[in-house]
Amino acid sequence: MPEELHASVGRALRDAWDTKDPALARRQLERLAHSLSKNHPGAAASLREGLQETLTLIELGIDAALYRTLRTTNPIENLNGLIAHYTRNVKRWRDGEMVLRWVGTALHEAGRGFRAVRGYRDLKHLTHALAQRVRSGFDVQSKVA
């Protein structure tokens, strides 16, 4: 998308993700995707592709600090960066077992610098919401297909 649309699209995304009503958030995101579909079909398709996943935390009733922590990919990207930093000097990977050993060691070393998850007190709420969803027969595969 052109640079001049970044702010308005970002604002529309934040507005949708900041609501506590998943139905309203879905409508807002679908409206945004529809408005982008003619001139920016790739962006619209990307938004539609991830629509369900972006609303998962809202649907589970997760908010506040835990929501802010889990809605980003920052923890994963940070961990991937630490692994890359730790393994960057290996010039020749002999086999898959060597890769596993190095990555395992990198994860172990990275673990020393981990801090508590922001919003960790709400993890019980997340566990309960997920258990309810499993008990209610929520079928993950039907959502993906």
N, C-alpha and C. Protein backbone atom coordinates (compact mmCIF):
# COMPACT_ATOMS: atom_id res chain seq x y z
N MET A 1 0.84 -1.18 0.00
CA MET A 1 0.00 0.00 0.00
C MET A 1 0.88 1.24 0.00
N PRO A 2 0.39 2.29 -0.58
CA PRO A 2 1.15 3.54 -0.57
C PRO A 2 1.30 4.09 0.86
N GLU A 3 2.38 4.78 1.05
CA GLU A 3 2.70 5.35 2.36
C GLU A 3 1.56 6.20 2.92
N GLU A 4 0.87 6.94 2.06
CA GLU A 4 -0.18 7.84 2.55
C GLU A 4 -1.38 7.10 3.15
N LEU A 5 -1.51 5.81 2.90
CA LEU A 5 -2.62 5.04 3.48
C LEU A 5 -2.23 4.35 4.79
N HIS A 6 -0.96 4.28 5.10
CA HIS A 6 -0.51 3.55 6.28
C HIS A 6 -1.18 4.05 7.56
N ALA A 7 -1.24 5.33 7.76
CA ALA A 7 -1.80 5.88 9.01
C ALA A 7 -3.28 5.56 9.13
N SER A 8 -4.04 5.78 8.06
CA SER A 8 -5.49 5.56 8.16
C SER A 8 -5.82 4.07 8.29
N VAL A 9 -5.11 3.23 7.57
CA VAL A 9 -5.35 1.79 7.69
C VAL A 9 -4.91 1.30 9.07
N GLY A 10 -3.78 1.79 9.54
CA GLY A 10 -3.33 1.42 10.88
C GLY A 10 -4.32 1.83 11.96
N ARG A 11 -4.89 3.01 11.80
CA ARG A 11 -5.90 3.49 12.75
C ARG A 11 -7.14 2.61 12.71
N ALA A 12 -7.57 2.22 11.51
CA ALA A 12 -8.75 1.35 11.38
C ALA A 12 -8.49 -0.02 12.01
N LEU A 13 -7.28 -0.55 11.81
CA LEU A 13 -6.93 -1.83 12.42
C LEU A 13 -6.93 -1.72 13.95
N ARG A 14 -6.30 -0.68 14.47
CA ARG A 14 -6.25 -0.50 15.92
C ARG A 14 -7.65 -0.32 16.50
N ASP A 15 -8.50 0.44 15.82
CA ASP A 15 -9.87 0.63 16.30
C ASP A 15 -10.59 -0.71 16.42
N ALA A 16 -10.42 -1.56 15.41
CA ALA A 16 -11.08 -2.86 15.44
C ALA A 16 -10.50 -3.73 16.55
N TRP A 17 -9.19 -3.77 16.65
CA TRP A 17 -8.56 -4.65 17.64
C TRP A 17 -8.72 -4.14 19.07
N ASP A 18 -9.01 -2.85 19.24
CA ASP A 18 -9.18 -2.31 20.58
C ASP A 18 -10.58 -2.48 21.13
N THR A 19 -11.52 -2.92 20.30
CA THR A 19 -12.88 -3.12 20.80
C THR A 19 -12.96 -4.44 21.54
N LYS A 20 -13.87 -4.54 22.48
CA LYS A 20 -14.06 -5.79 23.23
C LYS A 20 -15.15 -6.65 22.61
N ASP A 21 -15.81 -6.15 21.59
CA ASP A 21 -16.90 -6.87 20.94
C ASP A 21 -16.39 -7.53 19.66
N PRO A 22 -16.26 -8.87 19.65
CA PRO A 22 -15.69 -9.53 18.47
C PRO A 22 -16.54 -9.35 17.20
N ALA A 23 -17.86 -9.27 17.34
CA ALA A 23 -18.71 -9.08 16.17
C ALA A 23 -18.48 -7.71 15.54
N LEU A 24 -18.37 -6.70 16.39
CA LEU A 24 -18.09 -5.35 15.90
C LEU A 24 -16.70 -5.30 15.25
N ALA A 25 -15.72 -5.91 15.89
CA ALA A 25 -14.37 -5.93 15.34
C ALA A 25 -14.35 -6.61 13.97
N ARG A 26 -15.07 -7.72 13.84
CA ARG A 26 -15.15 -8.43 12.56
C ARG A 26 -15.76 -7.54 11.48
N ARG A 27 -16.85 -6.85 11.82
CA ARG A 27 -17.49 -5.95 10.84
C ARG A 27 -16.53 -4.84 10.42
N GLN A 28 -15.82 -4.27 11.38
CA GLN A 28 -14.88 -3.20 11.07
C GLN A 28 -13.77 -3.69 10.14
N LEU A 29 -13.23 -4.88 10.42
CA LEU A 29 -12.16 -5.42 9.59
C LEU A 29 -12.66 -5.82 8.21
N GLU A 30 -13.86 -6.38 8.14
CA GLU A 30 -14.43 -6.72 6.83
C GLU A 30 -14.69 -5.46 6.01
N ARG A 31 -15.16 -4.40 6.67
CA ARG A 31 -15.39 -3.13 5.99
C ARG A 31 -14.08 -2.57 5.45
N LEU A 32 -13.03 -2.66 6.25
CA LEU A 32 -11.71 -2.19 5.82
C LEU A 32 -11.23 -3.02 4.62
N ALA A 33 -11.36 -4.33 4.69
CA ALA A 33 -10.94 -5.19 3.59
C ALA A 33 -11.72 -4.86 2.32
N HIS A 34 -13.01 -4.62 2.46
CA HIS A 34 -13.83 -4.26 1.30
C HIS A 34 -13.36 -2.93 0.70
N SER A 35 -13.03 -1.97 1.55
CA SER A 35 -12.60 -0.66 1.04
C SER A 35 -11.24 -0.75 0.34
N LEU A 36 -10.44 -1.72 0.71
CA LEU A 36 -9.11 -1.88 0.10
C LEU A 36 -9.13 -2.77 -1.14
N SER A 37 -10.19 -3.55 -1.31
CA SER A 37 -10.18 -4.62 -2.31
C SER A 37 -9.99 -4.15 -3.75
N LYS A 38 -10.50 -3.00 -4.13
CA LYS A 38 -10.38 -2.57 -5.52
C LYS A 38 -8.97 -2.10 -5.86
N ASN A 39 -8.44 -1.19 -5.06
CA ASN A 39 -7.13 -0.61 -5.37
C ASN A 39 -5.95 -1.36 -4.76
N HIS A 40 -6.20 -2.14 -3.72
CA HIS A 40 -5.12 -2.85 -3.03
C HIS A 40 -5.58 -4.27 -2.69
N PRO A 41 -5.82 -5.08 -3.72
CA PRO A 41 -6.37 -6.42 -3.48
C PRO A 41 -5.47 -7.32 -2.64
N GLY A 42 -4.17 -7.16 -2.73
CA GLY A 42 -3.26 -7.96 -1.91
C GLY A 42 -3.43 -7.68 -0.43
N ALA A 43 -3.54 -6.40 -0.09
CA ALA A 43 -3.73 -6.02 1.31
C ALA A 43 -5.07 -6.52 1.82
N ALA A 44 -6.10 -6.40 0.98
CA ALA A 44 -7.43 -6.88 1.37
C ALA A 44 -7.42 -8.39 1.58
N ALA A 45 -6.76 -9.11 0.67
CA ALA A 45 -6.69 -10.57 0.79
C ALA A 45 -5.93 -10.97 2.05
N SER A 46 -4.86 -10.27 2.35
CA SER A 46 -4.08 -10.56 3.55
C SER A 46 -4.90 -10.34 4.81
N LEU A 47 -5.65 -9.26 4.83
CA LEU A 47 -6.51 -8.95 5.97
C LEU A 47 -7.57 -10.03 6.14
N ARG A 48 -8.21 -10.42 5.04
CA ARG A 48 -9.24 -11.47 5.12
C ARG A 48 -8.65 -12.81 5.53
N GLU A 49 -7.46 -13.10 5.05
CA GLU A 49 -6.82 -14.39 5.37
C GLU A 49 -6.58 -14.54 6.87
N GLY A 50 -6.15 -13.50 7.51
CA GLY A 50 -5.85 -13.58 8.94
C GLY A 50 -6.95 -13.06 9.85
N LEU A 51 -8.11 -12.78 9.28
CA LEU A 51 -9.19 -12.14 10.05
C LEU A 51 -9.56 -12.94 11.30
N GLN A 52 -9.82 -14.22 11.15
CA GLN A 52 -10.24 -15.04 12.29
C GLN A 52 -9.18 -15.07 13.38
N GLU A 53 -7.93 -15.25 12.97
CA GLU A 53 -6.86 -15.35 13.95
C GLU A 53 -6.65 -14.05 14.72
N THR A 54 -6.84 -12.91 14.04
CA THR A 54 -6.62 -11.64 14.72
C THR A 54 -7.68 -11.36 15.77
N LEU A 55 -8.79 -12.06 15.69
CA LEU A 55 -9.87 -11.82 16.65
C LEU A 55 -9.90 -12.85 17.78
N THR A 56 -9.03 -13.82 17.75
CA THR A 56 -9.06 -14.90 18.74
C THR A 56 -9.00 -14.39 20.17
N LEU A 57 -8.08 -13.52 20.47
CA LEU A 57 -7.95 -13.03 21.85
C LEU A 57 -9.18 -12.25 22.29
N ILE A 58 -9.76 -11.47 21.39
CA ILE A 58 -10.98 -10.73 21.72
C ILE A 58 -12.10 -11.71 22.02
N GLU A 59 -12.23 -12.74 21.18
CA GLU A 59 -13.28 -13.75 21.38
C GLU A 59 -13.10 -14.51 22.69
N LEU A 60 -11.87 -14.69 23.11
CA LEU A 60 -11.61 -15.40 24.37
C LEU A 60 -11.75 -14.49 25.59
N GLY A 61 -11.95 -13.21 25.37
CA GLY A 61 -12.11 -12.28 26.48
C GLY A 61 -10.80 -11.87 27.12
N ILE A 62 -9.70 -12.00 26.39
CA ILE A 62 -8.39 -11.63 26.91
C ILE A 62 -8.18 -10.15 26.61
N ASP A 63 -7.78 -9.39 27.63
CA ASP A 63 -7.55 -7.97 27.41
C ASP A 63 -6.38 -7.51 28.26
N ALA A 64 -6.21 -6.25 28.35
CA ALA A 64 -5.17 -5.60 29.16
C ALA A 64 -3.77 -6.04 28.75
N ALA A 65 -2.91 -6.25 29.74
CA ALA A 65 -1.49 -6.50 29.46
C ALA A 65 -1.26 -7.80 28.71
N LEU A 66 -1.98 -8.86 29.05
CA LEU A 66 -1.79 -10.13 28.36
C LEU A 66 -2.20 -10.00 26.89
N TYR A 67 -3.25 -9.26 26.61
CA TYR A 67 -3.67 -9.03 25.23
C TYR A 67 -2.57 -8.32 24.45
N ARG A 68 -2.01 -7.28 25.04
CA ARG A 68 -0.95 -6.53 24.36
C ARG A 68 0.28 -7.41 24.11
N THR A 69 0.56 -8.32 25.04
CA THR A 69 1.71 -9.21 24.87
C THR A 69 1.47 -10.22 23.77
N LEU A 70 0.30 -10.83 23.76
CA LEU A 70 0.04 -11.93 22.83
C LEU A 70 -0.36 -11.48 21.43
N ARG A 71 -0.77 -10.25 21.27
CA ARG A 71 -1.22 -9.83 19.94
C ARG A 71 -0.07 -9.45 19.01
N THR A 72 1.15 -9.44 19.51
CA THR A 72 2.30 -9.11 18.67
C THR A 72 3.14 -10.36 18.42
N THR A 73 3.99 -10.26 17.43
CA THR A 73 4.95 -11.34 17.17
C THR A 73 6.32 -11.00 17.78
N ASN A 74 6.38 -9.93 18.54
CA ASN A 74 7.67 -9.49 19.10
C ASN A 74 8.38 -10.57 19.91
N PRO A 75 7.70 -11.31 20.80
CA PRO A 75 8.44 -12.34 21.55
C PRO A 75 9.06 -13.40 20.64
N ILE A 76 8.35 -13.80 19.61
CA ILE A 76 8.88 -14.80 18.68
C ILE A 76 10.04 -14.22 17.87
N GLU A 77 9.85 -13.01 17.37
CA GLU A 77 10.92 -12.37 16.59
C GLU A 77 12.17 -12.15 17.44
N ASN A 78 11.97 -11.78 18.70
CA ASN A 78 13.09 -11.59 19.60
C ASN A 78 13.83 -12.90 19.80
N LEU A 79 13.10 -13.98 20.03
CA LEU A 79 13.72 -15.28 20.22
C LEU A 79 14.45 -15.73 18.96
N ASN A 80 13.84 -15.55 17.80
CA ASN A 80 14.50 -15.90 16.54
C ASN A 80 15.79 -15.11 16.36
N GLY A 81 15.77 -13.84 16.73
CA GLY A 81 16.97 -13.02 16.64
C GLY A 81 18.07 -13.51 17.57
N LEU A 82 17.69 -13.95 18.77
CA LEU A 82 18.68 -14.48 19.70
C LEU A 82 19.29 -15.77 19.18
N ILE A 83 18.47 -16.62 18.57
CA ILE A 83 18.99 -17.87 17.99
C ILE A 83 19.94 -17.54 16.85
N ALA A 84 19.56 -16.62 15.99
CA ALA A 84 20.42 -16.23 14.87
C ALA A 84 21.75 -15.66 15.38
N HIS A 85 21.67 -14.85 16.42
CA HIS A 85 22.89 -14.27 16.99
C HIS A 85 23.80 -15.37 17.54
N TYR A 86 23.22 -16.33 18.21
CA TYR A 86 24.00 -17.38 18.85
C TYR A 86 24.63 -18.32 17.82
N THR A 87 23.94 -18.55 16.71
CA THR A 87 24.41 -19.53 15.72
C THR A 87 25.09 -18.90 14.52
N ARG A 88 25.26 -17.60 14.50
CA ARG A 88 25.75 -16.92 13.30
C ARG A 88 27.18 -17.31 12.90
N ASN A 89 27.98 -17.77 13.82
CA ASN A 89 29.36 -18.10 13.50
C ASN A 89 29.54 -19.52 12.96
N VAL A 90 28.49 -20.31 12.96
CA VAL A 90 28.61 -21.66 12.40
C VAL A 90 28.60 -21.52 10.88
N LYS A 91 29.65 -22.01 10.26
CA LYS A 91 29.78 -21.86 8.80
C LYS A 91 29.31 -23.11 8.05
N ARG A 92 29.38 -24.26 8.69
CA ARG A 92 29.01 -25.49 7.99
C ARG A 92 28.21 -26.38 8.93
N TRP A 93 26.94 -26.55 8.60
CA TRP A 93 26.07 -27.42 9.39
C TRP A 93 26.25 -28.85 8.89
N ARG A 94 26.72 -29.75 9.75
CA ARG A 94 27.00 -31.13 9.33
C ARG A 94 25.74 -31.94 9.10
N ASP A 95 24.76 -31.81 10.01
CA ASP A 95 23.54 -32.59 9.89
C ASP A 95 22.44 -31.96 10.74
N GLY A 96 21.26 -32.55 10.67
CA GLY A 96 20.12 -32.03 11.41
C GLY A 96 20.30 -32.07 12.91
N GLU A 97 21.02 -33.09 13.40
CA GLU A 97 21.26 -33.18 14.84
C GLU A 97 22.12 -32.02 15.33
N MET A 98 23.06 -31.61 14.51
CA MET A 98 23.90 -30.46 14.88
C MET A 98 23.05 -29.20 14.99
N VAL A 99 22.15 -29.03 14.04
CA VAL A 99 21.25 -27.87 14.07
C VAL A 99 20.43 -27.90 15.36
N LEU A 100 19.87 -29.06 15.67
CA LEU A 100 19.05 -29.18 16.89
C LEU A 100 19.86 -28.87 18.14
N ARG A 101 21.09 -29.35 18.21
CA ARG A 101 21.94 -29.08 19.39
C ARG A 101 22.21 -27.59 19.53
N TRP A 102 22.57 -26.93 18.43
CA TRP A 102 22.88 -25.51 18.49
C TRP A 102 21.64 -24.68 18.83
N VAL A 103 20.53 -25.02 18.20
CA VAL A 103 19.31 -24.26 18.50
C VAL A 103 18.89 -24.51 19.94
N GLY A 104 18.98 -25.75 20.40
CA GLY A 104 18.65 -26.06 21.80
C GLY A 104 19.53 -25.29 22.77
N THR A 105 20.81 -25.22 22.47
CA THR A 105 21.74 -24.47 23.32
C THR A 105 21.40 -22.98 23.28
N ALA A 106 21.08 -22.48 22.09
CA ALA A 106 20.71 -21.07 21.96
C ALA A 106 19.45 -20.77 22.77
N LEU A 107 18.46 -21.67 22.72
CA LEU A 107 17.24 -21.48 23.50
C LEU A 107 17.54 -21.49 24.99
N HIS A 108 18.40 -22.40 25.40
CA HIS A 108 18.78 -22.48 26.81
C HIS A 108 19.45 -21.17 27.26
N GLU A 109 20.37 -20.69 26.46
CA GLU A 109 21.06 -19.44 26.79
C GLU A 109 20.09 -18.26 26.77
N ALA A 110 19.21 -18.23 25.78
CA ALA A 110 18.24 -17.13 25.68
C ALA A 110 17.30 -17.13 26.88
N GLY A 111 16.98 -18.32 27.39
CA GLY A 111 16.08 -18.43 28.53
C GLY A 111 16.55 -17.71 29.76
N ARG A 112 17.85 -17.53 29.87
CA ARG A 112 18.39 -16.81 31.03
C ARG A 112 17.97 -15.35 31.04
N GLY A 113 17.70 -14.81 29.85
CA GLY A 113 17.33 -13.40 29.77
C GLY A 113 15.84 -13.15 29.71
N PHE A 114 15.05 -14.23 29.75
CA PHE A 114 13.59 -14.05 29.68
C PHE A 114 13.08 -13.39 30.94
N ARG A 115 12.06 -12.61 30.78
CA ARG A 115 11.40 -12.01 31.94
C ARG A 115 9.95 -12.50 31.94
N ALA A 116 9.27 -12.22 32.98
CA ALA A 116 7.88 -12.67 33.11
C ALA A 116 7.03 -12.08 31.98
N VAL A 117 6.08 -12.84 31.53
CA VAL A 117 5.15 -12.38 30.50
C VAL A 117 4.30 -11.27 31.09
N ARG A 118 4.22 -10.17 30.38
CA ARG A 118 3.34 -9.09 30.86
C ARG A 118 1.91 -9.61 30.84
N GLY A 119 1.23 -9.46 31.93
CA GLY A 119 -0.14 -9.94 32.04
C GLY A 119 -0.23 -11.40 32.46
N TYR A 120 0.87 -11.95 32.98
CA TYR A 120 0.90 -13.37 33.34
C TYR A 120 -0.19 -13.75 34.33
N ARG A 121 -0.66 -12.80 35.11
CA ARG A 121 -1.73 -13.11 36.08
C ARG A 121 -3.02 -13.52 35.37
N ASP A 122 -3.18 -13.08 34.11
CA ASP A 122 -4.38 -13.41 33.35
C ASP A 122 -4.26 -14.73 32.59
N LEU A 123 -3.13 -15.41 32.72
CA LEU A 123 -2.97 -16.69 32.03
C LEU A 123 -4.00 -17.72 32.51
N LYS A 124 -4.42 -17.63 33.77
CA LYS A 124 -5.46 -18.54 34.27
C LYS A 124 -6.75 -18.30 33.51
N HIS A 125 -7.06 -17.04 33.24
CA HIS A 125 -8.27 -16.71 32.48
C HIS A 125 -8.17 -17.27 31.06
N LEU A 126 -7.00 -17.15 30.45
CA LEU A 126 -6.79 -17.69 29.11
C LEU A 126 -6.95 -19.20 29.11
N THR A 127 -6.36 -19.87 30.08
CA THR A 127 -6.47 -21.32 30.18
C THR A 127 -7.93 -21.74 30.34
N HIS A 128 -8.66 -21.03 31.18
CA HIS A 128 -10.07 -21.33 31.39
C HIS A 128 -10.88 -21.12 30.10
N ALA A 129 -10.63 -20.01 29.41
CA ALA A 129 -11.35 -19.71 28.17
C ALA A 129 -11.06 -20.77 27.10
N LEU A 130 -9.81 -21.21 27.01
CA LEU A 130 -9.47 -22.26 26.04
C LEU A 130 -10.12 -23.58 26.40
N ALA A 131 -10.13 -23.92 27.68
CA ALA A 131 -10.77 -25.16 28.12
C ALA A 131 -12.26 -25.14 27.82
N GLN A 132 -12.91 -24.00 28.04
CA GLN A 132 -14.33 -23.88 27.71
C GLN A 132 -14.57 -24.08 26.23
N ARG A 133 -13.69 -23.53 25.43
CA ARG A 133 -13.83 -23.65 23.99
C ARG A 133 -13.69 -25.11 23.56
N VAL A 134 -12.76 -25.82 24.16
CA VAL A 134 -12.58 -27.24 23.84
C VAL A 134 -13.81 -28.03 24.28
N ARG A 135 -14.32 -27.74 25.48
CA ARG A 135 -15.51 -28.44 25.97
C ARG A 135 -16.74 -28.17 25.10
N SER A 136 -16.80 -26.97 24.53
CA SER A 136 -17.97 -26.63 23.72
C SER A 136 -17.89 -27.22 22.32
N GLY A 137 -16.80 -27.93 22.05
CA GLY A 137 -16.68 -28.60 20.76
C GLY A 137 -16.17 -27.71 19.66
N PHE A 138 -15.50 -26.63 20.01
CA PHE A 138 -14.93 -25.75 19.01
C PHE A 138 -13.97 -26.55 18.15
N ASP A 139 -14.17 -26.50 16.84
CA ASP A 139 -13.36 -27.27 15.91
C ASP A 139 -12.39 -26.34 15.21
N VAL A 140 -11.12 -26.42 15.61
CA VAL A 140 -10.09 -25.55 15.04
C VAL A 140 -9.96 -25.79 13.54
N GLN A 141 -10.03 -27.04 13.10
CA GLN A 141 -9.85 -27.35 11.69
C GLN A 141 -10.92 -26.70 10.82
N SER A 142 -12.16 -26.62 11.30
CA SER A 142 -13.21 -26.00 10.49
C SER A 142 -12.97 -24.50 10.33
N LYS A 143 -12.30 -23.88 11.31
CA LYS A 143 -11.99 -22.46 11.21
C LYS A 143 -10.87 -22.23 10.21
N VAL A 144 -9.95 -23.17 10.12
CA VAL A 144 -8.81 -23.04 9.22
C VAL A 144 -9.22 -23.32 7.79
N ALA A 145 -10.05 -24.31 7.59
CA ALA A 145 -10.44 -24.75 6.23
C ALA A 145 -11.29 -23.76 5.50
